[in-house]
Amino acid sequence: MDKKELRQFIRNKKRQYSSSQLEELSLSVLSRLNGNEHLQRAETILMYYSLPDEVNTHAYIDQLLTEGKKILLPEVIDGENMVIREYTGKHDLKEGAFHIMEPIGSLFPEERYQEINLAIIPGMAFDGNHNRLGRGKGYYDRFLQKIPQVYKIGICFPFQLVDEIPTEETDIKMDAIMG
């Protein structure tokens, strides 16, 4: 399958699960993530505020915050780029386009990107070679080039793990996958 076909295949699989089933799968993935040594050691974490069809990170982000972690969330700013903003609580979110909650906290300056210890990255699919299939716009691939030092964990539902993802030179591999 090419990337477009694989995205459609995964979308169809997601539709086979109820929101309560996806929530249960989310808790299982996040429980395993919670035991990860990189997460436990990390002080500054790039996360994502999940969409309805992604591993649900909403409560988990708040949990990490109460544990003293600095949480950064991405904000798409144009057709190609995203910036990251600091999250200090739900007041740092606003409803954006398509009813998606977006960060409005303080902009995290590029000169401090080396402080990011860990990135938790969503994807449409991941394979055993740590390749990631995103939604097709390349936001994460472009952004992750700016923070090559960061340890990257891709998280997904178990049914999003596939044998092989077609890759391009610009695709950024994950260091670990949790699904």
N, C-alpha and C. Protein backbone atom coordinates (compact mmCIF):
# COMPACT_ATOMS: atom_id res chain seq x y z
N MET A 1 0.84 -1.20 0.00
CA MET A 1 0.00 0.00 0.00
C MET A 1 0.87 1.25 0.00
N ASP A 2 0.44 2.26 -0.72
CA ASP A 2 1.14 3.54 -0.63
C ASP A 2 0.61 4.29 0.60
N LYS A 3 1.18 5.45 0.86
CA LYS A 3 0.82 6.19 2.08
C LYS A 3 -0.67 6.55 2.12
N LYS A 4 -1.19 6.99 1.00
CA LYS A 4 -2.60 7.40 0.94
C LYS A 4 -3.52 6.21 1.25
N GLU A 5 -3.22 5.06 0.66
CA GLU A 5 -4.02 3.86 0.89
C GLU A 5 -3.91 3.40 2.34
N LEU A 6 -2.72 3.48 2.89
CA LEU A 6 -2.51 3.07 4.28
C LEU A 6 -3.27 3.98 5.24
N ARG A 7 -3.29 5.27 4.98
CA ARG A 7 -4.07 6.20 5.82
C ARG A 7 -5.55 5.83 5.79
N GLN A 8 -6.06 5.53 4.59
CA GLN A 8 -7.48 5.16 4.47
C GLN A 8 -7.76 3.84 5.17
N PHE A 9 -6.84 2.88 5.06
CA PHE A 9 -6.97 1.59 5.73
C PHE A 9 -7.08 1.79 7.25
N ILE A 10 -6.22 2.64 7.81
CA ILE A 10 -6.23 2.91 9.25
C ILE A 10 -7.51 3.65 9.65
N ARG A 11 -7.93 4.62 8.85
CA ARG A 11 -9.19 5.33 9.15
C ARG A 11 -10.35 4.34 9.23
N ASN A 12 -10.40 3.39 8.30
CA ASN A 12 -11.46 2.39 8.30
C ASN A 12 -11.39 1.51 9.54
N LYS A 13 -10.19 1.16 9.95
CA LYS A 13 -10.03 0.35 11.18
C LYS A 13 -10.52 1.12 12.40
N LYS A 14 -10.18 2.40 12.48
CA LYS A 14 -10.61 3.21 13.63
C LYS A 14 -12.12 3.24 13.75
N ARG A 15 -12.81 3.26 12.62
CA ARG A 15 -14.28 3.32 12.63
C ARG A 15 -14.91 2.07 13.21
N GLN A 16 -14.15 0.99 13.33
CA GLN A 16 -14.67 -0.27 13.87
C GLN A 16 -14.72 -0.26 15.40
N TYR A 17 -14.18 0.80 16.01
CA TYR A 17 -14.12 0.89 17.47
C TYR A 17 -15.02 2.01 17.97
N SER A 18 -15.68 1.76 19.08
CA SER A 18 -16.49 2.80 19.70
C SER A 18 -15.56 3.76 20.45
N SER A 19 -16.08 4.92 20.82
CA SER A 19 -15.25 5.88 21.56
C SER A 19 -14.85 5.29 22.92
N SER A 20 -15.72 4.48 23.54
CA SER A 20 -15.34 3.88 24.83
C SER A 20 -14.25 2.82 24.64
N GLN A 21 -14.28 2.09 23.55
CA GLN A 21 -13.22 1.13 23.26
C GLN A 21 -11.89 1.84 23.02
N LEU A 22 -11.93 2.95 22.28
CA LEU A 22 -10.71 3.73 22.03
C LEU A 22 -10.17 4.31 23.33
N GLU A 23 -11.07 4.72 24.22
CA GLU A 23 -10.64 5.26 25.51
C GLU A 23 -9.95 4.17 26.34
N GLU A 24 -10.50 2.97 26.32
CA GLU A 24 -9.89 1.85 27.04
C GLU A 24 -8.51 1.52 26.46
N LEU A 25 -8.40 1.51 25.14
CA LEU A 25 -7.11 1.27 24.50
C LEU A 25 -6.12 2.38 24.84
N SER A 26 -6.61 3.61 24.90
CA SER A 26 -5.76 4.75 25.26
C SER A 26 -5.14 4.56 26.64
N LEU A 27 -5.97 4.16 27.60
CA LEU A 27 -5.49 3.97 28.97
C LEU A 27 -4.40 2.91 29.02
N SER A 28 -4.55 1.87 28.23
CA SER A 28 -3.56 0.79 28.19
C SER A 28 -2.23 1.29 27.63
N VAL A 29 -2.29 2.04 26.54
CA VAL A 29 -1.07 2.59 25.91
C VAL A 29 -0.39 3.56 26.87
N LEU A 30 -1.16 4.45 27.49
CA LEU A 30 -0.58 5.45 28.39
C LEU A 30 -0.02 4.83 29.66
N SER A 31 -0.62 3.73 30.10
CA SER A 31 -0.09 3.03 31.26
C SER A 31 1.31 2.48 30.96
N ARG A 32 1.48 1.91 29.76
CA ARG A 32 2.81 1.42 29.37
C ARG A 32 3.79 2.58 29.19
N LEU A 33 3.31 3.67 28.62
CA LEU A 33 4.16 4.84 28.42
C LEU A 33 4.63 5.37 29.78
N ASN A 34 3.75 5.35 30.75
CA ASN A 34 4.07 5.87 32.07
C ASN A 34 5.25 5.15 32.72
N GLY A 35 5.44 3.89 32.37
CA GLY A 35 6.54 3.11 32.92
C GLY A 35 7.84 3.28 32.16
N ASN A 36 7.83 4.07 31.09
CA ASN A 36 9.02 4.25 30.26
C ASN A 36 10.07 5.10 30.98
N GLU A 37 11.29 4.62 31.00
CA GLU A 37 12.37 5.33 31.71
C GLU A 37 12.64 6.71 31.14
N HIS A 38 12.49 6.89 29.83
CA HIS A 38 12.72 8.21 29.23
C HIS A 38 11.66 9.21 29.71
N LEU A 39 10.43 8.74 29.83
CA LEU A 39 9.37 9.61 30.33
C LEU A 39 9.61 9.95 31.79
N GLN A 40 10.00 8.97 32.57
CA GLN A 40 10.22 9.21 33.99
C GLN A 40 11.34 10.21 34.23
N ARG A 41 12.38 10.18 33.40
CA ARG A 41 13.52 11.09 33.57
C ARG A 41 13.30 12.46 32.95
N ALA A 42 12.42 12.54 31.98
CA ALA A 42 12.23 13.78 31.24
C ALA A 42 11.69 14.90 32.12
N GLU A 43 12.20 16.11 31.90
CA GLU A 43 11.70 17.29 32.60
C GLU A 43 10.82 18.14 31.69
N THR A 44 11.18 18.20 30.40
CA THR A 44 10.44 19.00 29.43
C THR A 44 10.00 18.08 28.30
N ILE A 45 8.68 17.98 28.11
CA ILE A 45 8.11 17.00 27.19
C ILE A 45 7.24 17.70 26.15
N LEU A 46 7.52 17.41 24.88
CA LEU A 46 6.64 17.83 23.80
C LEU A 46 5.56 16.75 23.68
N MET A 47 4.31 17.13 23.88
CA MET A 47 3.17 16.21 23.80
C MET A 47 2.27 16.68 22.66
N TYR A 48 1.08 16.12 22.61
CA TYR A 48 0.06 16.59 21.69
C TYR A 48 -1.27 16.49 22.39
N TYR A 49 -2.16 17.42 22.13
CA TYR A 49 -3.50 17.39 22.70
C TYR A 49 -4.36 16.65 21.69
N SER A 50 -4.76 15.44 22.03
CA SER A 50 -5.29 14.49 21.07
C SER A 50 -6.59 14.91 20.40
N LEU A 51 -6.72 14.45 19.15
CA LEU A 51 -7.96 14.52 18.40
C LEU A 51 -8.81 13.31 18.81
N PRO A 52 -10.11 13.31 18.49
CA PRO A 52 -10.97 12.19 18.92
C PRO A 52 -10.52 10.81 18.43
N ASP A 53 -9.77 10.75 17.32
CA ASP A 53 -9.36 9.44 16.80
C ASP A 53 -7.92 9.07 17.15
N GLU A 54 -7.33 9.77 18.13
CA GLU A 54 -5.96 9.49 18.56
C GLU A 54 -5.96 8.99 20.00
N VAL A 55 -4.84 8.39 20.42
CA VAL A 55 -4.69 8.00 21.83
C VAL A 55 -4.99 9.25 22.66
N ASN A 56 -5.96 9.15 23.55
CA ASN A 56 -6.45 10.31 24.31
C ASN A 56 -5.44 10.74 25.36
N THR A 57 -4.87 11.92 25.15
CA THR A 57 -3.83 12.44 26.05
C THR A 57 -4.32 13.51 27.01
N HIS A 58 -5.59 13.88 26.96
CA HIS A 58 -6.08 15.04 27.71
C HIS A 58 -5.78 14.94 29.21
N ALA A 59 -6.28 13.91 29.88
CA ALA A 59 -6.05 13.77 31.32
C ALA A 59 -4.59 13.45 31.62
N TYR A 60 -3.95 12.74 30.72
CA TYR A 60 -2.55 12.34 30.93
C TYR A 60 -1.63 13.56 30.97
N ILE A 61 -1.89 14.53 30.11
CA ILE A 61 -1.10 15.76 30.10
C ILE A 61 -1.20 16.45 31.45
N ASP A 62 -2.42 16.53 31.99
CA ASP A 62 -2.61 17.16 33.29
C ASP A 62 -1.91 16.37 34.40
N GLN A 63 -1.93 15.05 34.28
CA GLN A 63 -1.23 14.20 35.26
C GLN A 63 0.27 14.50 35.24
N LEU A 64 0.86 14.56 34.04
CA LEU A 64 2.29 14.85 33.93
C LEU A 64 2.61 16.23 34.50
N LEU A 65 1.72 17.17 34.28
CA LEU A 65 1.91 18.52 34.80
C LEU A 65 1.94 18.50 36.33
N THR A 66 1.05 17.75 36.95
CA THR A 66 1.03 17.69 38.41
C THR A 66 2.26 16.97 38.96
N GLU A 67 2.90 16.15 38.13
CA GLU A 67 4.14 15.47 38.53
C GLU A 67 5.36 16.38 38.38
N GLY A 68 5.13 17.61 37.93
CA GLY A 68 6.22 18.58 37.81
C GLY A 68 6.89 18.64 36.46
N LYS A 69 6.32 17.98 35.45
CA LYS A 69 6.88 18.02 34.11
C LYS A 69 6.47 19.32 33.42
N LYS A 70 7.37 19.86 32.59
CA LYS A 70 7.01 20.99 31.74
C LYS A 70 6.45 20.40 30.45
N ILE A 71 5.24 20.80 30.10
CA ILE A 71 4.55 20.25 28.94
C ILE A 71 4.47 21.31 27.84
N LEU A 72 4.86 20.90 26.64
CA LEU A 72 4.80 21.76 25.46
C LEU A 72 3.84 21.14 24.46
N LEU A 73 3.00 21.96 23.85
CA LEU A 73 2.05 21.49 22.85
C LEU A 73 2.27 22.22 21.52
N PRO A 74 2.11 21.51 20.42
CA PRO A 74 2.31 22.15 19.11
C PRO A 74 1.08 22.96 18.68
N GLU A 75 1.38 24.02 17.94
CA GLU A 75 0.33 24.82 17.32
C GLU A 75 0.69 25.00 15.86
N VAL A 76 -0.20 24.59 14.97
CA VAL A 76 0.01 24.79 13.54
C VAL A 76 -0.22 26.26 13.24
N ILE A 77 0.77 26.91 12.61
CA ILE A 77 0.65 28.35 12.37
C ILE A 77 0.44 28.71 10.91
N ASP A 78 0.70 27.77 10.00
CA ASP A 78 0.44 28.02 8.59
C ASP A 78 0.43 26.67 7.87
N GLY A 79 0.50 26.68 6.56
CA GLY A 79 0.41 25.45 5.78
C GLY A 79 1.60 24.53 5.91
N GLU A 80 2.67 24.97 6.53
CA GLU A 80 3.87 24.14 6.63
C GLU A 80 4.50 24.06 8.01
N ASN A 81 4.19 24.98 8.89
CA ASN A 81 4.94 25.08 10.13
C ASN A 81 4.08 25.02 11.38
N MET A 82 4.75 24.59 12.46
CA MET A 82 4.12 24.66 13.77
C MET A 82 5.14 25.23 14.75
N VAL A 83 4.61 25.79 15.81
CA VAL A 83 5.42 26.29 16.92
C VAL A 83 4.99 25.51 18.15
N ILE A 84 5.72 25.67 19.24
CA ILE A 84 5.29 25.00 20.46
C ILE A 84 5.03 26.03 21.55
N ARG A 85 4.03 25.71 22.35
CA ARG A 85 3.60 26.60 23.42
C ARG A 85 3.58 25.83 24.73
N GLU A 86 3.87 26.55 25.81
CA GLU A 86 3.86 25.92 27.12
C GLU A 86 2.43 25.73 27.60
N TYR A 87 2.18 24.57 28.19
CA TYR A 87 0.86 24.24 28.73
C TYR A 87 0.97 24.22 30.25
N THR A 88 0.15 25.04 30.90
CA THR A 88 0.15 25.07 32.37
C THR A 88 -1.21 24.70 32.94
N GLY A 89 -2.16 24.37 32.08
CA GLY A 89 -3.50 23.99 32.50
C GLY A 89 -4.49 24.24 31.38
N LYS A 90 -5.72 23.79 31.60
CA LYS A 90 -6.75 23.88 30.54
C LYS A 90 -7.00 25.32 30.07
N HIS A 91 -6.66 26.31 30.91
CA HIS A 91 -6.83 27.71 30.49
C HIS A 91 -5.87 28.07 29.35
N ASP A 92 -4.88 27.20 29.07
CA ASP A 92 -3.94 27.43 27.97
C ASP A 92 -4.43 26.83 26.66
N LEU A 93 -5.73 26.51 26.58
CA LEU A 93 -6.31 25.95 25.36
C LEU A 93 -7.49 26.79 24.92
N LYS A 94 -7.70 26.83 23.60
CA LYS A 94 -8.92 27.44 23.06
C LYS A 94 -9.39 26.58 21.90
N GLU A 95 -10.67 26.65 21.64
CA GLU A 95 -11.22 25.88 20.53
C GLU A 95 -10.87 26.58 19.23
N GLY A 96 -10.24 25.84 18.33
CA GLY A 96 -9.84 26.38 17.05
C GLY A 96 -10.69 25.82 15.92
N ALA A 97 -10.11 25.82 14.75
CA ALA A 97 -10.80 25.31 13.57
C ALA A 97 -11.21 23.85 13.79
N PHE A 98 -12.34 23.47 13.23
CA PHE A 98 -12.84 22.09 13.30
C PHE A 98 -13.04 21.61 14.74
N HIS A 99 -13.28 22.53 15.67
CA HIS A 99 -13.52 22.20 17.09
C HIS A 99 -12.32 21.52 17.74
N ILE A 100 -11.13 21.78 17.24
CA ILE A 100 -9.91 21.21 17.79
C ILE A 100 -9.37 22.18 18.84
N MET A 101 -9.03 21.62 20.01
CA MET A 101 -8.46 22.45 21.06
C MET A 101 -7.01 22.75 20.72
N GLU A 102 -6.66 24.04 20.77
CA GLU A 102 -5.31 24.48 20.40
C GLU A 102 -4.66 25.22 21.56
N PRO A 103 -3.33 25.10 21.65
CA PRO A 103 -2.64 25.78 22.75
C PRO A 103 -2.54 27.28 22.53
N ILE A 104 -2.68 28.04 23.61
CA ILE A 104 -2.51 29.50 23.54
C ILE A 104 -1.56 29.98 24.63
N GLY A 105 -0.87 29.03 25.29
CA GLY A 105 0.08 29.40 26.33
C GLY A 105 1.27 30.14 25.75
N SER A 106 2.23 30.44 26.60
CA SER A 106 3.42 31.19 26.18
C SER A 106 4.18 30.42 25.11
N LEU A 107 4.63 31.15 24.11
CA LEU A 107 5.45 30.57 23.04
C LEU A 107 6.76 30.07 23.65
N PHE A 108 7.14 28.84 23.33
CA PHE A 108 8.41 28.29 23.81
C PHE A 108 9.46 28.66 22.77
N PRO A 109 10.45 29.48 23.15
CA PRO A 109 11.39 30.02 22.16
C PRO A 109 12.33 28.97 21.56
N GLU A 110 12.61 29.14 20.30
CA GLU A 110 13.46 28.20 19.56
C GLU A 110 14.84 28.06 20.20
N GLU A 111 15.36 29.12 20.80
CA GLU A 111 16.69 29.04 21.43
C GLU A 111 16.69 28.14 22.67
N ARG A 112 15.52 27.70 23.11
CA ARG A 112 15.44 26.79 24.26
C ARG A 112 15.05 25.37 23.86
N TYR A 113 14.96 25.10 22.56
CA TYR A 113 14.54 23.77 22.10
C TYR A 113 15.44 22.66 22.64
N GLN A 114 16.73 22.95 22.92
CA GLN A 114 17.63 21.92 23.43
C GLN A 114 17.21 21.42 24.81
N GLU A 115 16.31 22.15 25.49
CA GLU A 115 15.82 21.73 26.81
C GLU A 115 14.80 20.60 26.72
N ILE A 116 14.26 20.37 25.52
CA ILE A 116 13.24 19.33 25.37
C ILE A 116 13.91 17.96 25.47
N ASN A 117 13.47 17.16 26.45
CA ASN A 117 14.05 15.84 26.68
C ASN A 117 13.34 14.74 25.92
N LEU A 118 12.05 14.92 25.68
CA LEU A 118 11.23 13.84 25.14
C LEU A 118 10.12 14.42 24.28
N ALA A 119 9.82 13.71 23.19
CA ALA A 119 8.68 14.08 22.34
C ALA A 119 7.77 12.86 22.22
N ILE A 120 6.51 13.04 22.54
CA ILE A 120 5.49 12.00 22.39
C ILE A 120 4.70 12.39 21.14
N ILE A 121 4.80 11.55 20.10
CA ILE A 121 4.30 11.91 18.78
C ILE A 121 3.17 10.98 18.34
N PRO A 122 2.04 11.55 17.88
CA PRO A 122 0.97 10.71 17.33
C PRO A 122 1.30 10.32 15.89
N GLY A 123 0.54 9.37 15.37
CA GLY A 123 0.71 8.99 13.97
C GLY A 123 -0.49 8.19 13.50
N MET A 124 -0.64 8.11 12.20
CA MET A 124 -1.69 7.26 11.63
C MET A 124 -1.29 5.80 11.74
N ALA A 125 0.03 5.53 11.60
CA ALA A 125 0.54 4.15 11.69
C ALA A 125 2.03 4.21 11.99
N PHE A 126 2.52 3.10 12.55
CA PHE A 126 3.95 2.93 12.82
C PHE A 126 4.32 1.51 12.43
N ASP A 127 5.60 1.30 12.10
CA ASP A 127 6.04 -0.06 11.78
C ASP A 127 7.19 -0.48 12.70
N GLY A 128 7.63 -1.72 12.54
CA GLY A 128 8.67 -2.28 13.39
C GLY A 128 10.03 -1.66 13.20
N ASN A 129 10.21 -0.89 12.14
CA ASN A 129 11.47 -0.19 11.90
C ASN A 129 11.43 1.23 12.44
N HIS A 130 10.42 1.54 13.24
CA HIS A 130 10.25 2.84 13.89
C HIS A 130 9.87 3.96 12.92
N ASN A 131 9.34 3.57 11.75
CA ASN A 131 8.85 4.57 10.81
C ASN A 131 7.46 5.01 11.23
N ARG A 132 7.15 6.25 10.93
CA ARG A 132 5.87 6.87 11.30
C ARG A 132 5.17 7.34 10.05
N LEU A 133 3.87 7.10 9.98
CA LEU A 133 3.03 7.65 8.93
C LEU A 133 2.14 8.69 9.59
N GLY A 134 2.31 9.94 9.20
CA GLY A 134 1.49 11.02 9.75
C GLY A 134 0.25 11.22 8.93
N ARG A 135 -0.37 12.38 9.09
CA ARG A 135 -1.59 12.69 8.36
C ARG A 135 -1.32 13.22 6.96
N GLY A 136 -0.05 13.44 6.64
CA GLY A 136 0.29 13.77 5.26
C GLY A 136 0.75 15.18 5.01
N LYS A 137 0.78 16.03 6.02
CA LYS A 137 1.19 17.42 5.81
C LYS A 137 2.66 17.67 6.16
N GLY A 138 3.30 16.75 6.89
CA GLY A 138 4.73 16.86 7.19
C GLY A 138 5.08 17.80 8.33
N TYR A 139 4.09 18.24 9.11
CA TYR A 139 4.37 19.18 10.20
C TYR A 139 5.39 18.63 11.19
N TYR A 140 5.15 17.41 11.67
CA TYR A 140 6.06 16.83 12.67
C TYR A 140 7.44 16.56 12.07
N ASP A 141 7.49 16.05 10.85
CA ASP A 141 8.80 15.77 10.23
C ASP A 141 9.63 17.04 10.13
N ARG A 142 9.01 18.13 9.71
CA ARG A 142 9.76 19.39 9.62
C ARG A 142 10.16 19.90 11.00
N PHE A 143 9.25 19.81 11.96
CA PHE A 143 9.55 20.33 13.29
C PHE A 143 10.63 19.49 13.98
N LEU A 144 10.54 18.17 13.89
CA LEU A 144 11.49 17.31 14.57
C LEU A 144 12.93 17.49 14.06
N GLN A 145 13.09 18.00 12.86
CA GLN A 145 14.43 18.31 12.35
C GLN A 145 15.10 19.40 13.19
N LYS A 146 14.29 20.22 13.85
CA LYS A 146 14.82 21.32 14.67
C LYS A 146 15.27 20.85 16.05
N ILE A 147 14.88 19.63 16.44
CA ILE A 147 15.24 19.11 17.77
C ILE A 147 15.81 17.69 17.64
N PRO A 148 16.91 17.54 16.91
CA PRO A 148 17.44 16.19 16.65
C PRO A 148 17.87 15.45 17.92
N GLN A 149 18.15 16.17 19.00
CA GLN A 149 18.63 15.55 20.24
C GLN A 149 17.52 14.84 21.00
N VAL A 150 16.28 15.14 20.71
CA VAL A 150 15.18 14.65 21.53
C VAL A 150 14.88 13.17 21.27
N TYR A 151 14.54 12.47 22.35
CA TYR A 151 14.11 11.08 22.25
C TYR A 151 12.64 11.10 21.84
N LYS A 152 12.30 10.36 20.78
CA LYS A 152 10.97 10.42 20.20
C LYS A 152 10.24 9.09 20.40
N ILE A 153 9.07 9.16 21.05
CA ILE A 153 8.23 7.98 21.22
C ILE A 153 6.94 8.21 20.44
N GLY A 154 6.69 7.34 19.48
CA GLY A 154 5.43 7.37 18.75
C GLY A 154 4.40 6.56 19.51
N ILE A 155 3.20 7.11 19.69
CA ILE A 155 2.15 6.34 20.36
C ILE A 155 0.93 6.21 19.46
N CYS A 156 0.30 5.04 19.57
CA CYS A 156 -0.85 4.74 18.73
C CYS A 156 -1.64 3.60 19.35
N PHE A 157 -2.78 3.32 18.78
CA PHE A 157 -3.55 2.15 19.17
C PHE A 157 -2.87 0.92 18.59
N PRO A 158 -3.02 -0.24 19.22
CA PRO A 158 -2.34 -1.45 18.71
C PRO A 158 -2.66 -1.76 17.25
N PHE A 159 -3.88 -1.48 16.81
CA PHE A 159 -4.26 -1.79 15.42
C PHE A 159 -3.60 -0.85 14.40
N GLN A 160 -2.88 0.18 14.90
CA GLN A 160 -2.18 1.09 14.00
C GLN A 160 -0.74 0.64 13.76
N LEU A 161 -0.34 -0.46 14.34
CA LEU A 161 0.99 -1.02 14.10
C LEU A 161 0.90 -1.88 12.85
N VAL A 162 1.73 -1.58 11.86
CA VAL A 162 1.69 -2.29 10.58
C VAL A 162 3.07 -2.87 10.26
N ASP A 163 3.10 -3.77 9.28
CA ASP A 163 4.36 -4.42 8.90
C ASP A 163 5.36 -3.45 8.30
N GLU A 164 4.87 -2.59 7.41
CA GLU A 164 5.81 -1.69 6.72
C GLU A 164 5.11 -0.42 6.27
N ILE A 165 5.83 0.68 6.45
CA ILE A 165 5.34 1.99 6.00
C ILE A 165 6.27 2.48 4.90
N PRO A 166 5.72 2.90 3.77
CA PRO A 166 6.58 3.48 2.73
C PRO A 166 7.19 4.78 3.27
N THR A 167 8.48 4.97 3.04
CA THR A 167 9.15 6.15 3.60
C THR A 167 9.80 7.00 2.52
N GLU A 168 10.06 8.23 2.91
CA GLU A 168 10.79 9.17 2.07
C GLU A 168 11.96 9.71 2.88
N GLU A 169 12.89 10.33 2.23
CA GLU A 169 14.09 10.85 2.90
C GLU A 169 13.76 11.84 4.01
N THR A 170 12.65 12.56 3.88
CA THR A 170 12.30 13.59 4.85
C THR A 170 11.55 13.04 6.08
N ASP A 171 11.18 11.76 6.05
CA ASP A 171 10.46 11.16 7.18
C ASP A 171 11.40 10.95 8.36
N ILE A 172 10.96 11.34 9.54
CA ILE A 172 11.76 11.19 10.76
C ILE A 172 11.33 9.93 11.48
N LYS A 173 12.30 9.08 11.80
CA LYS A 173 12.02 7.85 12.54
C LYS A 173 11.84 8.15 14.02
N MET A 174 11.08 7.30 14.68
CA MET A 174 10.92 7.37 16.11
C MET A 174 12.03 6.55 16.78
N ASP A 175 12.30 6.83 18.04
CA ASP A 175 13.25 6.01 18.80
C ASP A 175 12.57 4.81 19.43
N ALA A 176 11.26 4.94 19.67
CA ALA A 176 10.47 3.85 20.24
C ALA A 176 9.02 4.04 19.82
N ILE A 177 8.27 2.94 19.85
CA ILE A 177 6.85 2.96 19.50
C ILE A 177 6.08 2.29 20.64
N MET A 178 4.97 2.89 21.04
CA MET A 178 4.08 2.26 22.02
C MET A 178 2.70 2.18 21.40
N GLY A 179 2.22 0.96 21.24
CA GLY A 179 0.90 0.77 20.65
C GLY A 179 0.17 -0.37 21.30
